[in-house]
């Protein structure tokens, strides 16, 4: 009888050991699976974070390009002084060619001028500049060259004689200038150059030339 009980106890003990070992193996397998799942989640999160970072960089680059494109147009207010006239005007400009840091810009303006002995006259001006863009975060001072042509119409009344004459003027000139970025949307500019003018009234022609300095502000949008 004792041997039968011992045999039954031994069989139960062996069964218990087998069940415990199987449970431990299953538990270990579940633990490994959980660790693998956590690693996969972390990898997915890292990939998602990297993708978001790339998307943010692309968005920043796109926004930077859009901000650069904002500075296409400009309105300028200027005044000038030379040996014969003082005057000033306003113009509207836009780029007609851009490649890298090089730009060709067109200016269409209204100009008025006169001297101490006459009432003066006004006209329209066409101007082309060659150089750097008028606004640059890397280059706050940008040089350029320019040439211009304007046609004016008006009247002169000589203070000394009181005589009045109606005339048409033709002026061509050119020079060089610099833009100095002073605010986010505006620059201060200085231009130095020369010009030649023909004034025609009736059959009479008066011509002269001189150096000229001009200064003013440009507002960009």
N, C-alpha and C. Protein backbone atom coordinates (compact mmCIF):
# COMPACT_ATOMS: atom_id res chain seq x y z
N UNK A 1 0.83 -1.21 0.00
CA UNK A 1 0.00 0.00 0.00
C UNK A 1 0.86 1.25 0.00
N UNK A 2 1.90 1.19 0.78
CA UNK A 2 2.82 2.34 0.87
C UNK A 2 3.49 2.61 -0.46
N UNK A 3 3.87 1.55 -1.15
CA UNK A 3 4.51 1.73 -2.45
C UNK A 3 3.55 2.36 -3.46
N UNK A 4 2.29 2.00 -3.39
CA UNK A 4 1.30 2.57 -4.31
C UNK A 4 1.16 4.07 -4.08
N UNK A 5 1.12 4.46 -2.80
CA UNK A 5 0.99 5.89 -2.45
C UNK A 5 2.23 6.66 -2.92
N UNK A 6 3.41 6.03 -2.69
CA UNK A 6 4.65 6.69 -3.13
C UNK A 6 4.68 6.86 -4.65
N UNK A 7 4.18 5.83 -5.33
CA UNK A 7 4.16 5.91 -6.80
C UNK A 7 3.22 7.02 -7.27
N UNK A 8 2.04 7.11 -6.64
CA UNK A 8 1.07 8.17 -7.01
C UNK A 8 1.66 9.55 -6.73
N UNK A 9 2.30 9.72 -5.57
CA UNK A 9 2.91 11.01 -5.20
C UNK A 9 4.00 11.41 -6.19
N UNK A 10 4.80 10.38 -6.61
CA UNK A 10 5.87 10.67 -7.58
C UNK A 10 5.31 11.11 -8.92
N UNK A 11 4.24 10.43 -9.35
CA UNK A 11 3.62 10.83 -10.62
C UNK A 11 3.06 12.24 -10.53
N UNK A 12 2.39 12.58 -9.43
CA UNK A 12 1.84 13.93 -9.25
C UNK A 12 2.95 14.98 -9.23
N UNK A 13 4.08 14.67 -8.56
CA UNK A 13 5.20 15.62 -8.47
C UNK A 13 5.81 15.89 -9.85
N UNK A 14 5.97 14.80 -10.63
CA UNK A 14 6.52 14.97 -11.99
C UNK A 14 5.56 15.80 -12.85
N UNK A 15 4.26 15.57 -12.72
CA UNK A 15 3.26 16.35 -13.48
C UNK A 15 3.30 17.81 -13.09
N UNK A 16 3.46 18.07 -11.78
CA UNK A 16 3.54 19.46 -11.30
C UNK A 16 4.76 20.17 -11.87
N UNK A 17 5.91 19.47 -11.88
CA UNK A 17 7.13 20.07 -12.44
C UNK A 17 6.96 20.37 -13.92
N UNK A 18 6.34 19.46 -14.64
CA UNK A 18 6.13 19.67 -16.09
C UNK A 18 5.21 20.86 -16.35
N UNK A 19 4.14 20.97 -15.56
CA UNK A 19 3.20 22.09 -15.71
C UNK A 19 3.87 23.41 -15.40
N UNK A 20 4.67 23.43 -14.32
CA UNK A 20 5.38 24.67 -13.92
C UNK A 20 6.37 25.10 -15.00
N UNK A 21 7.10 24.13 -15.56
CA UNK A 21 8.08 24.46 -16.62
C UNK A 21 7.39 25.01 -17.85
N UNK A 22 6.24 24.41 -18.20
CA UNK A 22 5.49 24.89 -19.37
C UNK A 22 4.98 26.30 -19.15
N UNK A 23 4.50 26.57 -17.94
CA UNK A 23 4.00 27.92 -17.62
C UNK A 23 5.12 28.95 -17.69
N UNK A 24 6.30 28.54 -17.16
CA UNK A 24 7.45 29.47 -17.18
C UNK A 24 7.87 29.77 -18.61
N UNK A 25 7.84 28.72 -19.48
CA UNK A 25 8.20 28.96 -20.88
C UNK A 25 7.20 29.89 -21.55
N UNK A 26 5.93 29.69 -21.29
CA UNK A 26 4.90 30.57 -21.87
C UNK A 26 5.06 32.00 -21.37
N UNK A 27 5.34 32.14 -20.08
CA UNK A 27 5.53 33.48 -19.51
C UNK A 27 6.72 34.17 -20.14
N UNK A 28 7.80 33.44 -20.32
CA UNK A 28 9.00 34.00 -20.93
C UNK A 28 8.73 34.42 -22.37
N UNK A 29 7.97 33.57 -23.11
CA UNK A 29 7.63 33.90 -24.50
C UNK A 29 6.77 35.15 -24.57
N UNK A 30 5.80 35.29 -23.66
CA UNK A 30 4.97 36.49 -23.62
C UNK A 30 5.81 37.72 -23.31
N UNK A 31 6.75 37.57 -22.40
CA UNK A 31 7.62 38.71 -22.04
C UNK A 31 8.43 39.16 -23.25
N UNK A 32 8.99 38.16 -23.99
CA UNK A 32 9.75 38.51 -25.19
C UNK A 32 8.87 39.19 -26.23
N UNK A 33 7.65 38.69 -26.37
CA UNK A 33 6.72 39.30 -27.33
C UNK A 33 6.39 40.74 -26.94
N UNK A 34 6.20 40.96 -25.63
CA UNK A 34 5.91 42.32 -25.16
C UNK A 34 7.08 43.26 -25.42
N UNK A 35 8.29 42.74 -25.20
CA UNK A 35 9.48 43.57 -25.44
C UNK A 35 9.59 43.91 -26.92
N UNK A 36 9.33 42.89 -27.78
CA UNK A 36 9.38 43.14 -29.22
C UNK A 36 8.32 44.16 -29.63
N UNK A 37 7.13 44.05 -29.03
CA UNK A 37 6.07 45.03 -29.35
C UNK A 37 6.48 46.43 -28.93
N UNK A 38 7.10 46.56 -27.75
CA UNK A 38 7.56 47.88 -27.29
C UNK A 38 8.63 48.44 -28.23
N UNK A 39 9.55 47.58 -28.67
CA UNK A 39 10.58 48.03 -29.60
C UNK A 39 9.98 48.50 -30.91
N UNK A 40 8.98 47.74 -31.40
CA UNK A 40 8.31 48.13 -32.64
C UNK A 40 7.60 49.47 -32.49
N UNK A 41 6.94 49.65 -31.33
CA UNK A 41 6.25 50.93 -31.08
C UNK A 41 7.24 52.08 -31.04
N UNK A 42 8.39 51.86 -30.35
CA UNK A 42 9.41 52.91 -30.27
C UNK A 42 9.97 53.24 -31.65
N UNK A 43 10.19 52.17 -32.46
CA UNK A 43 10.70 52.41 -33.81
C UNK A 43 9.69 53.18 -34.64
N UNK A 44 8.41 52.81 -34.51
CA UNK A 44 7.37 53.53 -35.25
C UNK A 44 7.31 54.98 -34.81
N UNK A 45 7.45 55.21 -33.49
CA UNK A 45 7.42 56.58 -32.99
C UNK A 45 8.61 57.38 -33.51
N UNK A 46 9.81 56.73 -33.53
CA UNK A 46 11.00 57.42 -34.04
C UNK A 46 10.85 57.76 -35.51
N UNK A 47 10.29 56.80 -36.29
CA UNK A 47 10.09 57.06 -37.72
C UNK A 47 9.09 58.19 -37.91
N UNK A 48 8.00 58.16 -37.08
CA UNK A 48 7.00 59.22 -37.18
C UNK A 48 7.58 60.57 -36.83
N UNK A 49 8.43 60.59 -35.76
CA UNK A 49 9.07 61.86 -35.36
C UNK A 49 10.00 62.37 -36.45
N UNK A 50 10.78 61.45 -37.03
CA UNK A 50 11.70 61.86 -38.11
C UNK A 50 10.92 62.38 -39.31
N UNK A 51 9.80 61.71 -39.63
CA UNK A 51 8.98 62.17 -40.76
C UNK A 51 8.41 63.56 -40.49
N UNK A 52 7.94 63.76 -39.25
CA UNK A 52 7.40 65.08 -38.90
C UNK A 52 8.48 66.15 -38.98
N UNK A 53 9.72 65.79 -38.54
CA UNK A 53 10.82 66.75 -38.60
C UNK A 53 11.12 67.14 -40.04
N UNK A 54 11.13 66.14 -40.94
CA UNK A 54 11.37 66.42 -42.36
C UNK A 54 10.26 67.30 -42.92
N UNK A 55 9.01 66.99 -42.53
CA UNK A 55 7.88 67.79 -43.00
C UNK A 55 7.98 69.22 -42.51
N UNK A 56 8.41 69.40 -41.24
CA UNK A 56 8.57 70.75 -40.68
C UNK A 56 9.66 71.50 -41.43
N UNK A 57 10.80 70.80 -41.72
CA UNK A 57 11.88 71.44 -42.47
C UNK A 57 11.40 71.86 -43.86
N UNK A 58 10.63 70.98 -44.52
CA UNK A 58 10.11 71.32 -45.83
C UNK A 58 9.17 72.51 -45.76
N UNK A 59 8.31 72.52 -44.71
CA UNK A 59 7.39 73.64 -44.55
C UNK A 59 8.14 74.94 -44.29
N UNK A 60 9.22 74.87 -43.46
CA UNK A 60 10.02 76.06 -43.20
C UNK A 60 10.68 76.57 -44.47
N UNK A 61 11.19 75.62 -45.29
CA UNK A 61 11.82 76.02 -46.55
C UNK A 61 10.80 76.65 -47.49
N UNK A 62 9.60 76.05 -47.53
CA UNK A 62 8.53 76.61 -48.37
C UNK A 62 8.14 78.00 -47.89
N UNK A 63 8.00 78.17 -46.55
CA UNK A 63 7.64 79.48 -46.01
C UNK A 63 8.72 80.50 -46.30
N UNK A 64 10.01 80.08 -46.23
CA UNK A 64 11.10 81.00 -46.53
C UNK A 64 11.03 81.46 -47.98
N UNK A 65 10.78 80.50 -48.91
CA UNK A 65 10.65 80.87 -50.30
C UNK A 65 9.48 81.81 -50.52
N UNK A 66 8.37 81.56 -49.82
CA UNK A 66 7.21 82.44 -49.95
C UNK A 66 7.52 83.83 -49.43
N UNK A 67 8.27 83.91 -48.32
CA UNK A 67 8.64 85.22 -47.79
C UNK A 67 9.55 85.96 -48.75
N UNK A 68 10.46 85.22 -49.42
CA UNK A 68 11.33 85.86 -50.39
C UNK A 68 10.52 86.39 -51.57
N UNK A 69 9.45 85.66 -51.94
CA UNK A 69 8.64 86.08 -53.06
C UNK A 69 7.78 87.28 -52.72
N UNK A 70 7.62 87.58 -51.42
CA UNK A 70 6.81 88.72 -51.02
C UNK A 70 7.42 90.04 -51.49
N UNK A 71 8.74 90.06 -51.66
CA UNK A 71 9.44 91.29 -51.99
C UNK A 71 9.58 91.48 -53.49
N UNK A 72 8.52 91.26 -54.23
CA UNK A 72 8.60 91.43 -55.67
C UNK A 72 8.38 92.88 -56.08
N UNK A 73 7.44 93.57 -55.47
CA UNK A 73 7.06 94.90 -55.90
C UNK A 73 7.53 95.94 -54.88
N UNK A 74 7.69 97.16 -55.36
CA UNK A 74 8.16 98.22 -54.47
C UNK A 74 7.64 99.57 -54.96
N UNK A 75 7.41 100.46 -54.01
CA UNK A 75 7.07 101.85 -54.30
C UNK A 75 8.17 102.72 -53.70
N UNK A 76 8.70 103.63 -54.50
CA UNK A 76 9.80 104.48 -54.06
C UNK A 76 9.38 105.94 -54.05
N UNK A 77 9.86 106.66 -53.06
CA UNK A 77 9.70 108.11 -52.96
C UNK A 77 11.09 108.70 -52.88
N UNK A 78 11.43 109.62 -53.80
CA UNK A 78 12.80 110.10 -53.86
C UNK A 78 12.87 111.60 -54.14
N UNK A 79 14.03 112.15 -53.87
CA UNK A 79 14.36 113.53 -54.21
C UNK A 79 15.75 113.58 -54.79
N UNK A 80 16.01 114.58 -55.65
CA UNK A 80 17.34 114.66 -56.27
C UNK A 80 17.80 116.11 -56.35
N UNK A 81 19.10 116.24 -56.57
CA UNK A 81 19.73 117.56 -56.63
C UNK A 81 20.88 117.48 -57.62
N UNK A 82 20.97 118.50 -58.50
CA UNK A 82 22.11 118.60 -59.41
C UNK A 82 22.42 120.07 -59.64
N UNK A 83 23.29 120.37 -60.61
CA UNK A 83 23.72 121.74 -60.82
C UNK A 83 22.62 122.62 -61.43
N UNK A 84 21.62 122.01 -62.08
CA UNK A 84 20.60 122.78 -62.78
C UNK A 84 19.22 122.70 -62.13
N UNK A 85 18.86 121.57 -61.58
CA UNK A 85 17.51 121.38 -61.09
C UNK A 85 17.50 120.73 -59.71
N UNK A 86 16.41 120.94 -59.02
CA UNK A 86 16.04 120.13 -57.86
C UNK A 86 14.67 119.54 -58.16
N UNK A 87 14.42 118.39 -57.62
CA UNK A 87 13.13 117.76 -57.91
C UNK A 87 12.97 116.47 -57.15
N UNK A 88 12.02 115.69 -57.59
CA UNK A 88 11.74 114.42 -56.94
C UNK A 88 10.62 113.71 -57.65
N UNK A 89 10.25 112.58 -57.12
CA UNK A 89 9.18 111.82 -57.75
C UNK A 89 8.82 110.57 -56.98
N UNK A 90 7.95 109.80 -57.58
CA UNK A 90 7.51 108.53 -57.03
C UNK A 90 7.51 107.50 -58.16
N UNK A 91 7.86 106.25 -57.85
CA UNK A 91 7.86 105.23 -58.90
C UNK A 91 7.39 103.88 -58.34
N UNK A 92 6.97 103.04 -59.25
CA UNK A 92 6.55 101.67 -58.95
C UNK A 92 7.48 100.73 -59.69
N UNK A 93 7.99 99.70 -59.01
CA UNK A 93 8.97 98.82 -59.64
C UNK A 93 8.62 97.36 -59.43
N UNK A 94 9.14 96.53 -60.34
CA UNK A 94 8.93 95.08 -60.28
C UNK A 94 10.07 94.41 -61.03
N UNK A 95 10.44 93.18 -60.67
CA UNK A 95 11.53 92.48 -61.36
C UNK A 95 11.07 91.94 -62.71
N UNK A 96 11.92 92.06 -63.71
CA UNK A 96 11.63 91.48 -65.03
C UNK A 96 12.57 90.30 -65.32
N UNK A 97 13.59 90.12 -64.48
CA UNK A 97 14.48 88.96 -64.62
C UNK A 97 15.18 88.72 -63.29
N UNK A 98 15.20 87.44 -62.87
CA UNK A 98 15.89 87.06 -61.65
C UNK A 98 16.61 85.73 -61.86
N UNK A 99 17.85 85.68 -61.40
CA UNK A 99 18.60 84.42 -61.40
C UNK A 99 19.62 84.49 -60.29
N UNK A 100 19.43 83.66 -59.25
CA UNK A 100 20.32 83.71 -58.10
C UNK A 100 20.19 85.04 -57.40
N UNK A 101 21.34 85.70 -57.24
CA UNK A 101 21.35 87.01 -56.60
C UNK A 101 21.31 88.16 -57.60
N UNK A 102 21.21 87.85 -58.88
CA UNK A 102 21.17 88.89 -59.90
C UNK A 102 19.72 89.21 -60.26
N UNK A 103 19.46 90.49 -60.46
CA UNK A 103 18.09 90.93 -60.76
C UNK A 103 18.10 92.12 -61.70
N UNK A 104 17.18 92.11 -62.65
CA UNK A 104 16.91 93.27 -63.49
C UNK A 104 15.52 93.76 -63.10
N UNK A 105 15.43 95.05 -62.73
CA UNK A 105 14.17 95.59 -62.21
C UNK A 105 13.74 96.79 -63.05
N UNK A 106 12.45 96.87 -63.28
CA UNK A 106 11.87 97.96 -64.07
C UNK A 106 11.15 98.95 -63.15
N UNK A 107 11.40 100.24 -63.37
CA UNK A 107 10.78 101.31 -62.58
C UNK A 107 9.96 102.21 -63.51
N UNK A 108 8.71 102.44 -63.17
CA UNK A 108 7.86 103.37 -63.91
C UNK A 108 7.46 104.46 -62.93
N UNK A 109 7.77 105.72 -63.26
CA UNK A 109 7.55 106.77 -62.29
C UNK A 109 7.03 108.07 -62.85
N UNK A 110 6.73 108.95 -61.93
CA UNK A 110 6.34 110.33 -62.21
C UNK A 110 7.37 111.23 -61.56
N UNK A 111 7.91 112.18 -62.33
CA UNK A 111 8.98 113.03 -61.83
C UNK A 111 8.64 114.48 -62.08
N UNK A 112 9.06 115.33 -61.16
CA UNK A 112 8.91 116.78 -61.31
C UNK A 112 10.21 117.47 -60.96
N UNK A 113 10.50 118.58 -61.66
CA UNK A 113 11.75 119.28 -61.40
C UNK A 113 11.64 120.75 -61.81
N UNK A 114 12.53 121.53 -61.31
CA UNK A 114 12.55 122.95 -61.63
C UNK A 114 13.81 123.59 -61.07
N UNK A 115 13.98 124.87 -61.34
CA UNK A 115 15.12 125.59 -60.79
C UNK A 115 14.63 126.89 -60.16
N UNK A 116 15.56 127.65 -59.65
CA UNK A 116 15.19 128.87 -58.91
C UNK A 116 14.63 129.96 -59.81
N UNK A 117 14.80 129.85 -61.14
CA UNK A 117 14.36 130.91 -62.03
C UNK A 117 13.08 130.57 -62.79
N UNK A 118 12.51 129.38 -62.58
CA UNK A 118 11.35 129.00 -63.37
C UNK A 118 10.35 128.23 -62.52
N UNK A 119 9.17 128.05 -63.11
CA UNK A 119 8.12 127.32 -62.42
C UNK A 119 8.32 125.81 -62.48
N UNK A 120 9.08 125.32 -63.46
CA UNK A 120 9.39 123.90 -63.55
C UNK A 120 8.39 123.12 -64.38
N UNK A 121 8.60 121.85 -64.44
CA UNK A 121 7.78 120.97 -65.27
C UNK A 121 7.84 119.56 -64.71
N UNK A 122 6.94 118.70 -65.20
CA UNK A 122 6.89 117.32 -64.74
C UNK A 122 6.70 116.37 -65.89
N UNK A 123 6.91 115.08 -65.64
CA UNK A 123 6.77 114.10 -66.70
C UNK A 123 6.77 112.67 -66.18
N UNK A 124 6.93 111.74 -67.09
CA UNK A 124 6.98 110.32 -66.74
C UNK A 124 8.38 109.80 -66.98
N UNK A 125 8.76 108.79 -66.21
CA UNK A 125 10.13 108.27 -66.26
C UNK A 125 10.11 106.75 -66.40
N UNK A 126 11.04 106.26 -67.19
CA UNK A 126 11.27 104.82 -67.33
C UNK A 126 12.71 104.53 -66.92
N UNK A 127 12.87 103.57 -66.00
CA UNK A 127 14.19 103.30 -65.45
C UNK A 127 14.40 101.79 -65.33
N UNK A 128 15.62 101.34 -65.61
CA UNK A 128 16.00 99.94 -65.50
C UNK A 128 17.22 99.84 -64.58
N UNK A 129 17.16 98.93 -63.61
CA UNK A 129 18.32 98.72 -62.73
C UNK A 129 18.85 97.30 -62.90
N UNK A 130 20.16 97.15 -62.66
CA UNK A 130 20.84 95.86 -62.78
C UNK A 130 21.64 95.63 -61.50
N UNK A 131 21.36 94.54 -60.82
CA UNK A 131 22.13 94.29 -59.61
C UNK A 131 21.47 93.29 -58.71
N UNK A 132 21.68 93.46 -57.41
CA UNK A 132 21.16 92.54 -56.42
C UNK A 132 19.70 92.86 -56.12
N UNK A 133 18.97 91.86 -55.58
CA UNK A 133 17.59 92.15 -55.15
C UNK A 133 17.56 93.28 -54.14
N UNK A 134 16.43 93.99 -54.07
CA UNK A 134 16.36 95.16 -53.20
C UNK A 134 16.20 94.79 -51.74
N UNK A 135 15.96 93.51 -51.44
CA UNK A 135 15.84 93.09 -50.05
C UNK A 135 16.51 91.75 -49.88
N UNK A 136 17.44 91.64 -48.93
CA UNK A 136 18.13 90.38 -48.70
C UNK A 136 18.53 90.29 -47.24
N UNK A 137 18.18 89.16 -46.58
CA UNK A 137 18.55 88.98 -45.18
C UNK A 137 20.05 88.77 -45.02
N UNK A 138 20.69 88.18 -46.05
CA UNK A 138 22.13 87.93 -45.96
C UNK A 138 22.94 89.17 -46.32
N UNK A 139 22.39 90.02 -47.19
CA UNK A 139 23.12 91.19 -47.66
C UNK A 139 22.26 92.44 -47.43
N UNK A 140 22.36 93.05 -46.24
CA UNK A 140 21.54 94.23 -45.94
C UNK A 140 21.90 95.45 -46.77
N UNK A 141 23.09 95.48 -47.37
CA UNK A 141 23.49 96.57 -48.27
C UNK A 141 23.72 95.95 -49.65
N UNK A 142 22.89 96.32 -50.62
CA UNK A 142 22.96 95.71 -51.95
C UNK A 142 23.23 96.77 -53.01
N UNK A 143 24.28 96.61 -53.81
CA UNK A 143 24.60 97.58 -54.86
C UNK A 143 23.87 97.25 -56.16
N UNK A 144 23.75 98.24 -57.02
CA UNK A 144 23.15 98.06 -58.34
C UNK A 144 23.56 99.21 -59.24
N UNK A 145 23.37 99.04 -60.53
CA UNK A 145 23.55 100.12 -61.50
C UNK A 145 22.22 100.37 -62.17
N UNK A 146 22.09 101.50 -62.85
CA UNK A 146 20.81 101.83 -63.46
C UNK A 146 21.00 102.75 -64.65
N UNK A 147 19.98 102.78 -65.50
CA UNK A 147 19.87 103.77 -66.56
C UNK A 147 18.42 104.21 -66.64
N UNK A 148 18.18 105.45 -67.09
CA UNK A 148 16.81 105.94 -67.11
C UNK A 148 16.58 106.85 -68.30
N UNK A 149 15.31 107.03 -68.60
CA UNK A 149 14.88 107.93 -69.66
C UNK A 149 13.55 108.53 -69.22
N UNK A 150 13.42 109.84 -69.30
CA UNK A 150 12.13 110.44 -68.98
C UNK A 150 11.76 111.53 -69.97
N UNK A 151 10.48 111.68 -70.14
CA UNK A 151 9.91 112.71 -71.01
C UNK A 151 9.04 113.61 -70.13
N UNK A 152 9.31 114.90 -70.18
CA UNK A 152 8.55 115.83 -69.36
C UNK A 152 7.88 116.92 -70.19
N UNK A 153 6.82 117.46 -69.63
CA UNK A 153 6.12 118.56 -70.28
C UNK A 153 5.75 119.57 -69.20
N UNK A 154 5.84 120.85 -69.54
CA UNK A 154 5.46 121.87 -68.56
C UNK A 154 5.72 123.25 -69.10
N UNK A 155 5.75 124.17 -68.19
CA UNK A 155 5.99 125.55 -68.58
C UNK A 155 7.01 126.21 -67.69
N UNK A 156 7.74 127.12 -68.25
CA UNK A 156 8.71 127.90 -67.49
C UNK A 156 8.35 129.38 -67.59
N UNK A 157 8.30 130.00 -66.46
CA UNK A 157 8.11 131.45 -66.43
C UNK A 157 9.33 132.06 -65.75
N UNK A 158 10.13 132.73 -66.52
CA UNK A 158 11.35 133.30 -66.01
C UNK A 158 11.04 134.44 -65.04
N UNK A 159 11.62 134.33 -63.84
CA UNK A 159 11.39 135.37 -62.83
C UNK A 159 12.00 136.69 -63.28
N UNK A 160 13.13 136.63 -63.95
CA UNK A 160 13.83 137.87 -64.33
C UNK A 160 13.08 138.65 -65.41
N UNK A 161 12.44 137.94 -66.35
CA UNK A 161 11.78 138.63 -67.47
C UNK A 161 10.26 138.50 -67.44
N UNK A 162 9.76 137.52 -66.73
CA UNK A 162 8.31 137.30 -66.70
C UNK A 162 7.79 136.55 -67.92
N UNK A 163 8.67 136.20 -68.85
CA UNK A 163 8.24 135.52 -70.07
C UNK A 163 7.90 134.06 -69.76
N UNK A 164 6.84 133.58 -70.40
CA UNK A 164 6.42 132.19 -70.21
C UNK A 164 6.66 131.40 -71.49
N UNK A 165 7.09 130.18 -71.34
CA UNK A 165 7.26 129.34 -72.51
C UNK A 165 6.84 127.90 -72.17
N UNK A 166 6.12 127.30 -73.06
CA UNK A 166 5.71 125.90 -72.92
C UNK A 166 6.76 125.02 -73.57
N UNK A 167 7.15 123.95 -72.94
CA UNK A 167 8.26 123.16 -73.45
C UNK A 167 8.05 121.67 -73.21
N UNK A 168 8.83 120.89 -73.95
CA UNK A 168 8.93 119.45 -73.77
C UNK A 168 10.39 119.13 -73.48
N UNK A 169 10.64 118.27 -72.50
CA UNK A 169 12.02 117.92 -72.15
C UNK A 169 12.23 116.42 -72.32
N UNK A 170 13.45 116.08 -72.75
CA UNK A 170 13.86 114.69 -72.90
C UNK A 170 15.16 114.51 -72.13
N UNK A 171 15.17 113.56 -71.21
CA UNK A 171 16.35 113.36 -70.36
C UNK A 171 16.76 111.89 -70.38
N UNK A 172 18.05 111.66 -70.56
CA UNK A 172 18.61 110.31 -70.45
C UNK A 172 19.75 110.36 -69.44
N UNK A 173 19.95 109.26 -68.73
CA UNK A 173 21.02 109.25 -67.73
C UNK A 173 21.25 107.87 -67.18
N UNK A 174 22.16 107.79 -66.24
CA UNK A 174 22.49 106.53 -65.60
C UNK A 174 23.40 106.73 -64.43
N UNK A 175 23.72 105.65 -63.73
CA UNK A 175 24.60 105.75 -62.58
C UNK A 175 24.60 104.46 -61.78
N UNK A 176 24.91 104.59 -60.49
CA UNK A 176 24.98 103.45 -59.58
C UNK A 176 24.39 103.85 -58.24
N UNK A 177 23.91 102.84 -57.51
CA UNK A 177 23.32 103.13 -56.21
C UNK A 177 23.44 101.94 -55.28
N UNK A 178 23.01 102.14 -54.05
CA UNK A 178 22.97 101.07 -53.05
C UNK A 178 21.64 101.13 -52.31
N UNK A 179 21.12 99.95 -51.96
CA UNK A 179 19.97 99.83 -51.06
C UNK A 179 20.47 99.45 -49.68
N UNK A 180 19.98 100.11 -48.66
CA UNK A 180 20.36 99.82 -47.28
C UNK A 180 19.09 99.42 -46.54
N UNK A 181 19.01 98.16 -46.09
CA UNK A 181 17.82 97.68 -45.39
C UNK A 181 17.76 98.30 -44.00
N UNK A 182 16.71 99.05 -43.74
CA UNK A 182 16.56 99.72 -42.45
C UNK A 182 15.38 99.17 -41.66
N UNK A 183 14.34 98.73 -42.32
CA UNK A 183 13.19 98.11 -41.67
C UNK A 183 12.84 96.83 -42.40
N UNK A 184 11.88 96.09 -41.86
CA UNK A 184 11.53 94.79 -42.43
C UNK A 184 11.03 94.92 -43.86
N UNK A 185 10.26 95.97 -44.15
CA UNK A 185 9.65 96.11 -45.46
C UNK A 185 10.14 97.34 -46.22
N UNK A 186 11.24 97.93 -45.82
CA UNK A 186 11.68 99.14 -46.52
C UNK A 186 13.20 99.25 -46.52
N UNK A 187 13.70 99.97 -47.52
CA UNK A 187 15.13 100.25 -47.63
C UNK A 187 15.33 101.73 -47.90
N UNK A 188 16.47 102.20 -47.47
CA UNK A 188 16.93 103.55 -47.79
C UNK A 188 17.94 103.43 -48.93
N UNK A 189 17.83 104.29 -49.95
CA UNK A 189 18.75 104.16 -51.07
C UNK A 189 19.41 105.50 -51.40
N UNK A 190 20.59 105.39 -51.97
CA UNK A 190 21.36 106.55 -52.44
C UNK A 190 21.85 106.23 -53.85
N UNK A 191 21.66 107.16 -54.78
CA UNK A 191 22.10 106.98 -56.16
C UNK A 191 22.93 108.18 -56.60
N UNK A 192 23.99 107.90 -57.34
CA UNK A 192 24.85 108.94 -57.90
C UNK A 192 25.03 108.65 -59.38
N UNK A 193 24.83 109.65 -60.22
CA UNK A 193 24.97 109.42 -61.66
C UNK A 193 25.03 110.72 -62.42
N UNK A 194 24.76 110.64 -63.70
CA UNK A 194 24.76 111.82 -64.56
C UNK A 194 23.64 111.74 -65.57
N UNK A 195 23.36 112.85 -66.24
CA UNK A 195 22.26 112.89 -67.20
C UNK A 195 22.52 113.97 -68.24
N UNK A 196 21.75 113.91 -69.31
CA UNK A 196 21.75 114.94 -70.35
C UNK A 196 20.30 115.26 -70.69
N UNK A 197 19.98 116.56 -70.86
CA UNK A 197 18.60 116.99 -71.09
C UNK A 197 18.51 117.89 -72.31
N UNK A 198 17.46 117.66 -73.10
CA UNK A 198 17.08 118.55 -74.20
C UNK A 198 15.73 119.17 -73.86
N UNK A 199 15.66 120.50 -73.90
CA UNK A 199 14.39 121.19 -73.69
C UNK A 199 14.02 121.88 -75.01
N UNK A 200 12.84 121.55 -75.46
CA UNK A 200 12.40 122.05 -76.77
C UNK A 200 11.15 122.90 -76.58
N UNK A 201 11.18 124.13 -77.05
CA UNK A 201 10.00 124.99 -77.10
C UNK A 201 9.97 125.70 -78.44
N UNK A 202 8.97 125.35 -79.23
CA UNK A 202 8.91 125.89 -80.59
C UNK A 202 10.07 125.36 -81.42
N UNK A 203 10.78 126.27 -82.03
CA UNK A 203 11.95 125.89 -82.82
C UNK A 203 13.25 126.01 -82.03
N UNK A 204 13.12 126.37 -80.78
CA UNK A 204 14.31 126.56 -79.94
C UNK A 204 14.63 125.29 -79.16
N UNK A 205 15.93 125.08 -78.98
CA UNK A 205 16.41 123.90 -78.25
C UNK A 205 17.45 124.35 -77.23
N UNK A 206 17.26 123.89 -76.00
CA UNK A 206 18.24 124.16 -74.95
C UNK A 206 18.72 122.81 -74.42
N UNK A 207 20.01 122.63 -74.36
CA UNK A 207 20.53 121.35 -73.89
C UNK A 207 21.63 121.57 -72.86
N UNK A 208 21.69 120.67 -71.92
CA UNK A 208 22.74 120.72 -70.91
C UNK A 208 22.86 119.34 -70.25
N UNK A 209 23.92 119.14 -69.50
CA UNK A 209 24.15 117.89 -68.78
C UNK A 209 24.77 118.20 -67.42
N UNK A 210 24.68 117.24 -66.52
CA UNK A 210 25.18 117.48 -65.18
C UNK A 210 25.25 116.16 -64.41
N UNK A 211 25.93 116.21 -63.29
CA UNK A 211 25.88 115.09 -62.35
C UNK A 211 24.65 115.23 -61.46
N UNK A 212 24.26 114.15 -60.83
CA UNK A 212 23.04 114.19 -60.01
C UNK A 212 23.17 113.20 -58.86
N UNK A 213 22.67 113.61 -57.69
CA UNK A 213 22.59 112.71 -56.55
C UNK A 213 21.12 112.61 -56.14
N UNK A 214 20.69 111.38 -55.86
CA UNK A 214 19.30 111.12 -55.52
C UNK A 214 19.24 110.23 -54.30
N UNK A 215 18.22 110.44 -53.46
CA UNK A 215 18.06 109.63 -52.26
C UNK A 215 16.58 109.48 -51.93
N UNK A 216 16.25 108.42 -51.20
CA UNK A 216 14.85 108.22 -50.84
C UNK A 216 14.64 106.88 -50.16
N UNK A 217 13.36 106.46 -50.09
CA UNK A 217 12.96 105.22 -49.44
C UNK A 217 12.16 104.36 -50.40
N UNK A 218 12.31 103.05 -50.26
CA UNK A 218 11.52 102.08 -51.02
C UNK A 218 10.74 101.20 -50.04
N UNK A 219 9.45 101.08 -50.29
CA UNK A 219 8.61 100.20 -49.49
C UNK A 219 8.24 98.99 -50.33
N UNK A 220 8.47 97.78 -49.80
CA UNK A 220 8.28 96.56 -50.57
C UNK A 220 7.05 95.79 -50.12
N UNK A 221 6.43 95.12 -51.05
CA UNK A 221 5.27 94.29 -50.72
C UNK A 221 5.16 93.15 -51.73
